[in-house]
Amino acid sequence: MSSVASESKLLAKHSVIYGIGTATNKLVAFLLLPIYTQYLTTHDYGIKELVGLSTDIIGTLMATAISSAFFRFYFDYQDQEKKDLVLSCSYLSLGGFGLVVVIVLAFTTPVMAEYILDSPALYTYFLISFASMWFQTLNGIGFNLLRAQMQSVRYITFTITKLIAAIGLNILFVIYFRLGVLGILISTLLTSIGIFIFLNVPQLLRVGLRFSLPLVKDMVRFGFPLIWSQLGAFVVHLSDRFFIKAYSSISDAGLYSLGYRFGTLPGSFISEPFNQVWQPRRLELYKQENSEEIFGRVFTYFLLLLSFVGLGVAVLTRDILMIIADQKFWTAYKIVPIIVLANTIFTFHYHFNIGLIIEKKTKYLAYINFSNGLFVVLLNFLLIPRYGMFGAAYATLIAFVYKVVLTYYFSSRYFKIHFEYNRIGMLLIASVVIYLLSFWIMLGNVYLNILVKTGFVCMFPCVLYLTGFFMDQEKAAVRNFLAARLKTQPR
């Protein structure tokens, strides 16, 4: 039987492995921000974000059925030849269908540019972006294969290579050739092609081009319902940018996207790699007698780490923007604390939905996601015309609270997690107090501000320690861990 300690160690170990890949991908966007905010106007940045979001929506919906079915069918077989057939069918079906989609969309790009970017002359931006989309969806199959085969070293090697290539090409096209948004899109296309050549082509040469129509039908049948879930998720997470553009301006949409990017950093670096391990692992544990305790304790540890990182992002974003970005982008920091709180709450549903997953009551998840999509559209319609970016941020917060509350309500009927409410309350109080204290720090020097505010953020675990948050066995575990590491240090 697994214990809280053993599960915590397992989650920590594997979350770090997956976290490196996730963090590297996010690091690309973060390291490119100084380039984008120095060499683009807020209007240009808004165009970049709207083109990217539009392409992401289409690309994800196009690839969801096959990509989501890949793991399920790949692990259905023990025979390597059949596994290779799944891989070949995934490449061929997604590549063929994607090519048809891209060709059809190519004829609509002037209309898309007119309505999304207010300029039909910018249709080439969508053409280039759709070409990148095609390569990226196929690259997703290649990366999934590396994960399926536990080739973590190759996975990380490709992600780091992608990071270096993206930064280098953006410097070349945006800074040297001064191509602005066009340079960013060209860089993305070339990076995607390069990854395709070195990641996918060797796999295709190995397995050959083999196709099984019955297998593809089964994969599509499995993955098709998930498209509607993805569509609902896009409405909740991305529709606000298009509302801001419609009721305000492309520049405001760009500023909001920049602030949103910072606000989602805690989830990207903590929640995403954590869930890659915890989502399947918890299905192996729920039948244990102490599973309710394990789930509750894991949630506390998860929230502790997420709150610590989220607090740092909420407190430090303003000063970081003052260093890396032109002054015209600085106001984006104002929505960051709201988005940090909203996305922290959003991550709760990954824990709360366990009852629905165990009992296979996924219809409730569909109801929740669909109603949440309608709700957020209504909130955007009511709040954004009046309050602009702040209306969008608060609409996101309210919608995420709604989603989490409904998920907990329905899921708890089937499985009740023993949440540590006292400790969760202590986390909340400590976070609010430290944030409010840090909010008023204005020392006249941005670097001194960062230093002092970082000190306040680092007080977070100290405050928790002094208030009795940590249990005796947790303190002992930390002491033993440090003692073991100190003994292994060379003298």
Protein backbone atom coordinates (compact mmCIF):
# COMPACT_ATOMS: atom_id res chain seq x y z
CA MET A 1 0.00 0.00 0.00
CA SER A 2 1.29 3.46 -0.94
CA SER A 3 1.81 6.08 1.72
CA VAL A 4 1.61 9.85 1.58
CA ALA A 5 5.40 10.07 1.76
CA SER A 6 6.05 7.55 -1.02
CA GLU A 7 3.49 9.16 -3.33
CA SER A 8 4.93 12.61 -2.67
CA LYS A 9 8.42 11.41 -3.61
CA LEU A 10 7.16 9.69 -6.75
CA LEU A 11 5.22 12.76 -7.88
CA ALA A 12 8.14 15.07 -7.17
CA LYS A 13 10.60 12.90 -9.10
CA HIS A 14 8.57 12.48 -12.27
CA SER A 15 7.11 15.98 -12.21
CA VAL A 16 10.65 17.35 -12.40
CA ILE A 17 11.38 15.24 -15.50
CA TYR A 18 8.27 16.41 -17.34
CA GLY A 19 8.66 19.87 -15.89
CA ILE A 20 11.98 20.39 -17.65
CA GLY A 21 10.34 19.96 -21.03
CA THR A 22 7.35 22.10 -20.12
CA ALA A 23 9.52 24.78 -18.56
CA THR A 24 11.74 24.89 -21.63
CA ASN A 25 8.78 25.49 -23.93
CA LYS A 26 7.50 28.25 -21.66
CA LEU A 27 11.00 29.66 -21.40
CA VAL A 28 11.00 30.28 -25.15
CA ALA A 29 8.05 32.63 -24.84
CA PHE A 30 9.48 34.32 -21.77
CA LEU A 31 12.97 34.89 -23.21
CA LEU A 32 11.46 36.31 -26.39
CA LEU A 33 9.39 38.87 -24.49
CA PRO A 34 12.24 41.44 -24.32
CA ILE A 35 12.55 41.20 -28.12
CA TYR A 36 8.81 41.47 -28.72
CA THR A 37 8.24 44.33 -26.27
CA GLN A 38 11.23 46.33 -27.50
CA TYR A 39 10.79 45.91 -31.26
CA LEU A 40 7.00 45.70 -31.54
CA THR A 41 4.30 48.23 -30.76
CA THR A 42 1.37 47.19 -28.57
CA HIS A 43 -0.67 47.02 -31.78
CA ASP A 44 1.89 44.68 -33.37
CA TYR A 45 1.94 42.52 -30.26
CA GLY A 46 -1.84 42.34 -30.37
CA ILE A 47 -1.70 41.21 -34.00
CA LYS A 48 0.84 38.52 -33.11
CA GLU A 49 -1.35 37.24 -30.29
CA LEU A 50 -4.57 37.23 -32.30
CA VAL A 51 -2.95 35.37 -35.20
CA GLY A 52 -1.38 32.90 -32.79
CA LEU A 53 -4.59 32.32 -30.83
CA SER A 54 -6.65 31.83 -33.98
CA THR A 55 -4.16 29.30 -35.32
CA ASP A 56 -3.89 27.52 -31.97
CA ILE A 57 -7.66 27.08 -31.82
CA ILE A 58 -7.87 25.63 -35.32
CA GLY A 59 -4.76 23.48 -34.92
CA THR A 60 -5.81 21.98 -31.60
CA LEU A 61 -9.33 21.20 -32.78
CA MET A 62 -7.90 19.65 -35.93
CA ALA A 63 -5.44 17.44 -34.05
CA THR A 64 -7.39 16.56 -30.89
CA ALA A 65 -9.10 13.37 -32.11
CA ILE A 66 -5.95 11.64 -33.37
CA SER A 67 -3.53 13.06 -30.79
CA SER A 68 -5.72 12.13 -27.84
CA ALA A 69 -6.25 8.62 -29.23
CA PHE A 70 -2.55 7.97 -29.87
CA PHE A 71 -1.62 6.93 -26.31
CA ARG A 72 -4.79 4.93 -25.82
CA PHE A 73 -4.24 2.81 -28.94
CA TYR A 74 -0.44 2.70 -28.81
CA PHE A 75 -0.54 0.98 -25.43
CA ASP A 76 -3.31 -1.38 -26.55
CA TYR A 77 -0.71 -3.52 -28.29
CA GLN A 78 2.35 -5.40 -27.07
CA ASP A 79 3.56 -6.23 -30.57
CA GLN A 80 5.94 -3.57 -31.89
CA GLU A 81 4.67 -3.93 -35.46
CA LYS A 82 1.16 -2.99 -34.38
CA LYS A 83 2.50 -0.11 -32.33
CA ASP A 84 4.28 1.12 -35.44
CA LEU A 85 1.02 0.85 -37.37
CA VAL A 86 -0.66 3.15 -34.83
CA LEU A 87 2.20 5.63 -35.26
CA SER A 88 2.07 5.51 -39.07
CA CYS A 89 -1.71 5.87 -39.13
CA SER A 90 -1.47 8.85 -36.78
CA TYR A 91 1.00 10.60 -39.04
CA LEU A 92 -0.84 9.85 -42.27
CA SER A 93 -4.38 10.58 -41.08
CA LEU A 94 -3.48 13.78 -39.27
CA GLY A 95 -1.13 14.91 -42.04
CA GLY A 96 -3.67 14.25 -44.80
CA PHE A 97 -6.61 15.77 -42.98
CA GLY A 98 -4.50 18.70 -41.86
CA LEU A 99 -3.34 19.39 -45.41
CA VAL A 100 -6.96 19.55 -46.60
CA VAL A 101 -7.83 21.93 -43.75
CA VAL A 102 -4.88 24.20 -44.53
CA ILE A 103 -5.76 24.36 -48.24
CA VAL A 104 -9.38 25.24 -47.47
CA LEU A 105 -8.35 27.84 -44.89
CA ALA A 106 -5.94 29.43 -47.35
CA PHE A 107 -8.91 30.73 -49.36
CA THR A 108 -10.43 32.31 -46.24
CA THR A 109 -7.34 34.19 -45.03
CA PRO A 110 -8.32 37.60 -46.52
CA VAL A 111 -11.66 37.43 -44.70
CA MET A 112 -9.99 36.32 -41.46
CA ALA A 113 -7.46 39.13 -41.70
CA GLU A 114 -10.21 41.68 -42.26
CA TYR A 115 -12.36 40.64 -39.32
CA ILE A 116 -9.65 39.61 -36.85
CA LEU A 117 -6.84 42.04 -37.71
CA ASP A 118 -8.90 44.85 -39.30
CA SER A 119 -6.73 44.63 -42.43
CA PRO A 120 -7.24 42.15 -45.31
CA ALA A 121 -3.73 43.05 -46.52
CA LEU A 122 -2.32 41.01 -43.61
CA TYR A 123 -3.72 37.73 -44.95
CA THR A 124 -0.17 36.41 -45.51
CA TYR A 125 0.25 36.31 -41.72
CA PHE A 126 -2.42 33.63 -41.56
CA LEU A 127 -0.99 31.75 -44.53
CA ILE A 128 2.40 31.44 -42.84
CA SER A 129 0.82 30.63 -39.50
CA PHE A 130 -1.33 27.85 -40.99
CA ALA A 131 1.74 26.30 -42.61
CA SER A 132 3.46 26.29 -39.20
CA MET A 133 0.32 24.77 -37.69
CA TRP A 134 0.49 21.78 -40.03
CA PHE A 135 4.08 20.96 -39.08
CA GLN A 136 3.42 21.55 -35.38
CA THR A 137 0.48 19.14 -35.22
CA LEU A 138 2.67 16.39 -36.70
CA ASN A 139 5.48 17.32 -34.34
CA GLY A 140 3.01 16.73 -31.51
CA ILE A 141 2.76 13.07 -32.56
CA GLY A 142 6.55 12.80 -32.52
CA PHE A 143 6.81 14.28 -29.03
CA ASN A 144 4.02 11.99 -27.80
CA LEU A 145 5.99 9.00 -29.09
CA LEU A 146 9.05 10.08 -27.11
CA ARG A 147 6.91 10.29 -23.98
CA ALA A 148 5.33 6.90 -24.67
CA GLN A 149 8.77 5.33 -25.04
CA MET A 150 10.11 7.16 -21.95
CA GLN A 151 12.85 8.79 -24.04
CA SER A 152 13.16 11.74 -21.72
CA VAL A 153 16.68 12.68 -22.82
CA ARG A 154 15.67 12.96 -26.48
CA TYR A 155 12.51 14.80 -25.46
CA ILE A 156 14.48 17.40 -23.54
CA THR A 157 17.13 17.59 -26.28
CA PHE A 158 14.51 18.49 -28.89
CA THR A 159 12.81 21.04 -26.63
CA ILE A 160 16.11 22.76 -25.86
CA THR A 161 17.04 22.72 -29.55
CA LYS A 162 13.67 24.30 -30.30
CA LEU A 163 14.39 26.97 -27.69
CA ILE A 164 17.79 27.86 -29.16
CA ALA A 165 16.49 27.88 -32.74
CA ALA A 166 13.48 30.05 -31.89
CA ILE A 167 15.56 32.63 -30.06
CA GLY A 168 18.24 32.73 -32.78
CA LEU A 169 15.78 33.08 -35.66
CA ASN A 170 13.77 35.75 -33.87
CA ILE A 171 16.92 37.76 -33.25
CA LEU A 172 17.77 37.42 -36.95
CA PHE A 173 14.38 38.33 -38.41
CA VAL A 174 13.00 40.72 -35.78
CA ILE A 175 16.11 42.58 -34.63
CA TYR A 176 18.47 42.34 -37.62
CA PHE A 177 16.05 42.36 -40.56
CA ARG A 178 13.39 44.40 -38.68
CA LEU A 179 10.50 42.30 -40.05
CA GLY A 180 8.32 42.70 -36.96
CA VAL A 181 5.39 40.28 -36.71
CA LEU A 182 6.26 38.78 -40.10
CA GLY A 183 9.70 37.88 -38.76
CA ILE A 184 8.16 36.12 -35.76
CA LEU A 185 5.88 34.05 -38.00
CA ILE A 186 8.74 33.11 -40.34
CA SER A 187 10.87 32.08 -37.34
CA THR A 188 8.08 29.85 -36.05
CA LEU A 189 7.64 28.22 -39.46
CA LEU A 190 11.35 27.49 -39.90
CA THR A 191 11.64 26.08 -36.37
CA SER A 192 8.64 23.83 -36.93
CA ILE A 193 10.06 22.54 -40.22
CA GLY A 194 13.42 21.82 -38.60
CA ILE A 195 11.87 19.84 -35.74
CA PHE A 196 9.72 17.93 -38.26
CA ILE A 197 12.76 16.90 -40.30
CA PHE A 198 14.87 15.67 -37.39
CA LEU A 199 12.08 14.28 -35.17
CA ASN A 200 9.43 12.84 -37.48
CA VAL A 201 11.20 11.91 -40.70
CA PRO A 202 13.45 9.28 -39.03
CA GLN A 203 10.38 7.73 -37.40
CA LEU A 204 8.51 7.62 -40.69
CA LEU A 205 11.49 6.02 -42.44
CA ARG A 206 11.64 3.39 -39.69
CA VAL A 207 7.95 2.41 -39.58
CA GLY A 208 7.11 3.05 -43.24
CA LEU A 209 3.91 4.50 -44.66
CA ARG A 210 1.21 2.04 -43.61
CA PHE A 211 -2.47 2.79 -43.26
CA SER A 212 -5.40 0.95 -41.69
CA LEU A 213 -8.81 2.50 -42.24
CA PRO A 214 -10.53 0.47 -39.46
CA LEU A 215 -7.85 1.56 -36.98
CA VAL A 216 -8.16 5.23 -37.95
CA LYS A 217 -11.95 5.01 -37.62
CA ASP A 218 -11.58 3.61 -34.11
CA MET A 219 -9.12 6.35 -33.17
CA VAL A 220 -11.39 9.08 -34.52
CA ARG A 221 -14.39 7.53 -32.78
CA PHE A 222 -12.47 7.58 -29.51
CA GLY A 223 -11.13 11.13 -29.85
CA PHE A 224 -13.99 12.95 -31.58
CA PRO A 225 -16.04 13.69 -28.42
CA LEU A 226 -13.01 15.41 -26.91
CA ILE A 227 -13.13 18.03 -29.66
CA TRP A 228 -16.24 19.55 -28.07
CA SER A 229 -14.51 19.67 -24.70
CA GLN A 230 -11.55 21.44 -26.29
CA LEU A 231 -13.88 23.88 -28.01
CA GLY A 232 -15.49 24.75 -24.68
CA ALA A 233 -12.06 25.20 -23.12
CA PHE A 234 -11.02 27.61 -25.88
CA VAL A 235 -14.15 29.68 -25.36
CA VAL A 236 -13.35 29.98 -21.65
CA HIS A 237 -9.63 30.62 -21.98
CA LEU A 238 -9.29 32.62 -25.20
CA SER A 239 -12.54 34.35 -26.15
CA ASP A 240 -11.76 37.37 -23.97
CA ARG A 241 -8.99 38.55 -26.35
CA PHE A 242 -11.43 38.73 -29.23
CA PHE A 243 -13.97 40.59 -27.09
CA ILE A 244 -11.29 43.10 -26.05
CA LYS A 245 -10.30 43.58 -29.67
CA ALA A 246 -13.93 44.11 -30.70
CA TYR A 247 -14.90 46.50 -27.88
CA SER A 248 -11.56 48.23 -27.32
CA SER A 249 -8.55 47.77 -29.62
CA ILE A 250 -5.93 45.35 -30.90
CA SER A 251 -3.40 47.13 -28.66
CA ASP A 252 -5.46 46.41 -25.54
CA ALA A 253 -5.79 42.79 -26.65
CA GLY A 254 -2.01 42.65 -26.86
CA LEU A 255 -1.53 44.16 -23.40
CA TYR A 256 -4.07 41.77 -21.91
CA SER A 257 -2.37 38.79 -23.61
CA LEU A 258 0.97 39.85 -22.15
CA GLY A 259 -0.47 40.12 -18.65
CA TYR A 260 -2.30 36.82 -19.08
CA ARG A 261 0.93 35.14 -20.15
CA PHE A 262 2.57 36.15 -16.88
CA GLY A 263 -0.51 35.22 -14.86
CA THR A 264 -0.51 31.64 -16.14
CA LEU A 265 3.18 31.01 -15.38
CA PRO A 266 2.50 29.25 -12.02
CA GLY A 267 0.15 26.79 -13.70
CA SER A 268 2.58 26.22 -16.57
CA PHE A 269 5.57 25.48 -14.35
CA ILE A 270 3.81 23.68 -11.50
CA SER A 271 0.38 22.35 -12.48
CA GLU A 272 1.12 21.07 -15.99
CA PRO A 273 4.10 18.82 -15.17
CA PHE A 274 2.43 17.74 -11.92
CA ASN A 275 -0.73 16.65 -13.74
CA GLN A 276 1.18 14.59 -16.27
CA VAL A 277 2.13 12.33 -13.37
CA TRP A 278 -0.82 12.69 -10.99
CA GLN A 279 -3.72 12.26 -13.42
CA PRO A 280 -2.93 8.61 -14.28
CA ARG A 281 -1.36 7.79 -10.90
CA ARG A 282 -4.42 8.66 -8.85
CA LEU A 283 -6.46 6.08 -10.75
CA GLU A 284 -4.15 3.42 -9.31
CA LEU A 285 -4.62 4.69 -5.75
CA TYR A 286 -8.28 5.45 -5.21
CA LYS A 287 -9.16 1.89 -4.11
CA GLN A 288 -6.73 2.04 -1.20
CA GLU A 289 -8.15 2.52 2.27
CA ASN A 290 -6.14 5.69 2.86
CA SER A 291 -6.64 7.19 -0.61
CA GLU A 292 -8.83 10.06 0.67
CA GLU A 293 -6.01 11.08 3.01
CA ILE A 294 -3.36 10.80 0.29
CA PHE A 295 -5.42 12.90 -2.13
CA GLY A 296 -6.02 15.57 0.51
CA ARG A 297 -2.38 15.75 1.52
CA VAL A 298 -1.19 15.83 -2.09
CA PHE A 299 -3.57 18.73 -2.74
CA THR A 300 -2.11 20.63 0.23
CA TYR A 301 1.45 20.16 -1.02
CA PHE A 302 0.41 21.08 -4.54
CA LEU A 303 -1.30 24.25 -3.33
CA LEU A 304 1.69 25.15 -1.17
CA LEU A 305 4.07 25.11 -4.13
CA LEU A 306 1.59 26.74 -6.51
CA SER A 307 0.84 29.54 -4.00
CA PHE A 308 4.54 30.21 -3.47
CA VAL A 309 5.25 30.54 -7.20
CA GLY A 310 2.02 32.45 -7.83
CA LEU A 311 2.85 34.90 -5.07
CA GLY A 312 6.23 35.56 -6.65
CA VAL A 313 4.68 36.19 -10.08
CA ALA A 314 1.97 38.50 -8.71
CA VAL A 315 4.48 40.53 -6.70
CA LEU A 316 7.38 40.78 -9.15
CA THR A 317 5.77 41.12 -12.60
CA ARG A 318 5.54 44.92 -12.53
CA ASP A 319 9.26 45.40 -11.86
CA ILE A 320 10.27 42.66 -14.30
CA LEU A 321 8.26 44.35 -17.06
CA MET A 322 10.00 47.62 -16.27
CA ILE A 323 13.32 45.91 -17.00
CA ILE A 324 12.53 43.76 -20.03
CA ALA A 325 9.78 45.73 -21.79
CA ASP A 326 9.25 49.15 -23.28
CA GLN A 327 7.18 51.52 -21.13
CA LYS A 328 4.14 51.14 -23.37
CA PHE A 329 3.76 47.54 -22.11
CA TRP A 330 4.07 48.24 -18.38
CA THR A 331 0.34 48.57 -17.66
CA ALA A 332 -0.10 44.87 -18.44
CA TYR A 333 1.03 44.09 -14.87
CA LYS A 334 -2.25 45.39 -13.41
CA ILE A 335 -4.25 42.29 -14.37
CA VAL A 336 -1.56 39.76 -13.40
CA PRO A 337 -2.62 39.21 -9.75
CA ILE A 338 -6.23 38.60 -10.87
CA ILE A 339 -5.13 36.08 -13.52
CA VAL A 340 -2.77 34.36 -11.06
CA LEU A 341 -5.66 33.91 -8.61
CA ALA A 342 -8.03 32.80 -11.38
CA ASN A 343 -5.67 30.17 -12.76
CA THR A 344 -4.75 28.93 -9.29
CA ILE A 345 -8.44 28.28 -8.67
CA PHE A 346 -8.80 26.72 -12.11
CA THR A 347 -6.18 24.06 -11.29
CA PHE A 348 -8.38 22.81 -8.44
CA HIS A 349 -10.71 21.03 -10.84
CA TYR A 350 -7.93 18.61 -11.75
CA HIS A 351 -8.15 17.38 -8.15
CA PHE A 352 -11.87 17.79 -7.54
CA ASN A 353 -13.00 15.75 -10.57
CA ILE A 354 -11.68 12.41 -9.31
CA GLY A 355 -15.16 11.13 -8.33
CA LEU A 356 -16.53 11.74 -11.81
CA ILE A 357 -13.53 10.04 -13.40
CA ILE A 358 -13.74 7.00 -11.12
CA GLU A 359 -17.46 6.48 -11.74
CA LYS A 360 -17.11 7.33 -15.45
CA LYS A 361 -19.62 10.18 -15.07
CA THR A 362 -17.83 12.26 -17.68
CA LYS A 363 -21.16 13.57 -18.94
CA TYR A 364 -21.10 15.92 -15.95
CA LEU A 365 -17.74 17.29 -17.11
CA ALA A 366 -19.29 17.95 -20.52
CA TYR A 367 -22.23 19.76 -18.90
CA ILE A 368 -19.90 21.82 -16.72
CA ASN A 369 -17.58 22.78 -19.58
CA PHE A 370 -20.42 23.63 -21.94
CA SER A 371 -22.28 25.76 -19.38
CA ASN A 372 -19.02 27.38 -18.33
CA GLY A 373 -18.37 28.37 -21.94
CA LEU A 374 -21.79 30.01 -22.21
CA PHE A 375 -21.30 31.68 -18.84
CA VAL A 376 -17.93 33.21 -19.72
CA VAL A 377 -19.28 34.54 -23.03
CA LEU A 378 -22.07 36.25 -21.10
CA LEU A 379 -19.61 37.67 -18.57
CA ASN A 380 -17.34 38.94 -21.35
CA PHE A 381 -20.29 40.58 -23.05
CA LEU A 382 -21.36 42.30 -19.82
CA LEU A 383 -17.99 43.27 -18.33
CA ILE A 384 -15.51 43.93 -21.16
CA PRO A 385 -17.39 46.79 -22.88
CA ARG A 386 -17.53 48.62 -19.54
CA TYR A 387 -14.29 47.65 -17.79
CA GLY A 388 -11.98 46.60 -20.63
CA MET A 389 -9.04 44.40 -19.60
CA PHE A 390 -10.17 44.32 -15.97
CA GLY A 391 -13.59 43.14 -17.07
CA ALA A 392 -11.96 40.28 -18.97
CA ALA A 393 -9.78 39.36 -15.99
CA TYR A 394 -12.68 39.31 -13.53
CA ALA A 395 -14.85 37.40 -16.02
CA THR A 396 -12.12 34.76 -16.13
CA LEU A 397 -11.95 34.62 -12.33
CA ILE A 398 -15.71 34.28 -11.91
CA ALA A 399 -15.97 31.62 -14.62
CA PHE A 400 -13.18 29.54 -13.06
CA VAL A 401 -14.80 29.72 -9.64
CA TYR A 402 -18.07 28.57 -11.23
CA LYS A 403 -16.33 25.62 -12.92
CA VAL A 404 -14.52 24.51 -9.78
CA VAL A 405 -17.58 24.78 -7.54
CA LEU A 406 -19.72 22.70 -9.91
CA THR A 407 -16.96 20.12 -10.35
CA TYR A 408 -16.59 19.74 -6.59
CA TYR A 409 -20.36 19.53 -6.07
CA PHE A 410 -20.96 16.74 -8.56
CA SER A 411 -17.71 14.83 -7.96
CA SER A 412 -18.01 14.76 -4.16
CA ARG A 413 -21.17 12.68 -4.52
CA TYR A 414 -19.02 9.76 -5.60
CA PHE A 415 -15.68 10.32 -3.83
CA LYS A 416 -14.91 12.63 -0.93
CA ILE A 417 -11.36 13.86 -0.55
CA HIS A 418 -10.24 14.60 3.02
CA PHE A 419 -9.05 18.15 2.45
CA GLU A 420 -6.93 19.77 5.14
CA TYR A 421 -9.07 22.87 5.47
CA ASN A 422 -7.11 24.43 8.35
CA ARG A 423 -3.82 24.23 6.48
CA ILE A 424 -5.41 25.46 3.26
CA GLY A 425 -6.78 28.45 5.18
CA MET A 426 -3.31 29.18 6.57
CA LEU A 427 -1.90 29.13 3.02
CA LEU A 428 -4.55 31.59 1.88
CA ILE A 429 -4.04 34.02 4.78
CA ALA A 430 -0.25 33.96 4.49
CA SER A 431 -0.42 34.59 0.72
CA VAL A 432 -2.78 37.56 1.09
CA VAL A 433 -0.76 39.16 3.91
CA ILE A 434 2.57 38.90 2.09
CA TYR A 435 1.06 40.14 -1.18
CA LEU A 436 -0.46 43.20 0.49
CA LEU A 437 2.80 44.01 2.28
CA SER A 438 4.78 43.66 -0.96
CA PHE A 439 2.25 45.65 -3.00
CA TRP A 440 3.14 48.93 -1.28
CA ILE A 441 6.91 48.64 -1.74
CA MET A 442 8.11 51.47 -3.98
CA LEU A 443 11.79 52.26 -3.36
CA GLY A 444 12.55 54.26 -6.50
CA ASN A 445 14.95 51.68 -7.91
CA VAL A 446 13.52 48.74 -9.82
CA TYR A 447 16.35 46.37 -8.91
CA LEU A 448 16.10 47.26 -5.24
CA ASN A 449 12.35 46.73 -5.48
CA ILE A 450 12.89 43.23 -6.86
CA LEU A 451 15.42 42.41 -4.15
CA VAL A 452 13.18 43.54 -1.29
CA LYS A 453 10.02 42.01 -2.75
CA THR A 454 11.81 38.72 -3.34
CA GLY A 455 12.75 38.77 0.32
CA PHE A 456 9.10 39.22 1.26
CA VAL A 457 8.05 36.34 -1.00
CA CYS A 458 10.72 34.10 0.54
CA MET A 459 9.17 34.83 3.92
CA PHE A 460 6.15 32.80 2.83
CA PRO A 461 7.43 29.38 4.00
CA CYS A 462 8.93 31.02 7.10
CA VAL A 463 5.55 32.50 8.04
CA LEU A 464 3.92 29.12 7.54
CA TYR A 465 6.59 27.50 9.71
CA LEU A 466 6.09 29.99 12.53
CA THR A 467 2.31 29.58 12.44
CA GLY A 468 2.57 25.81 12.82
CA PHE A 469 1.60 24.88 9.27
CA PHE A 470 4.19 22.13 8.93
CA MET A 471 3.73 18.84 10.77
CA ASP A 472 6.50 17.22 12.82
CA GLN A 473 6.98 14.42 10.31
CA GLU A 474 7.32 16.96 7.49
CA LYS A 475 9.98 18.89 9.41
CA ALA A 476 11.81 15.64 10.11
CA ALA A 477 11.64 14.63 6.44
CA VAL A 478 13.19 17.94 5.39
CA ARG A 479 15.96 17.61 7.99
CA ASN A 480 16.75 14.07 6.87
CA PHE A 481 16.77 15.13 3.21
CA LEU A 482 19.21 17.98 3.87
CA ALA A 483 21.41 15.82 6.08
CA ALA A 484 21.62 13.12 3.40
CA ARG A 485 22.55 15.67 0.74
CA LEU A 486 25.21 17.32 2.93
CA LYS A 487 26.85 13.95 3.56
CA THR A 488 27.19 13.32 -0.16
CA GLN A 489 28.97 16.63 -0.82
CA PRO A 490 32.68 16.23 -1.66
CA ARG A 491 35.01 17.51 0.99
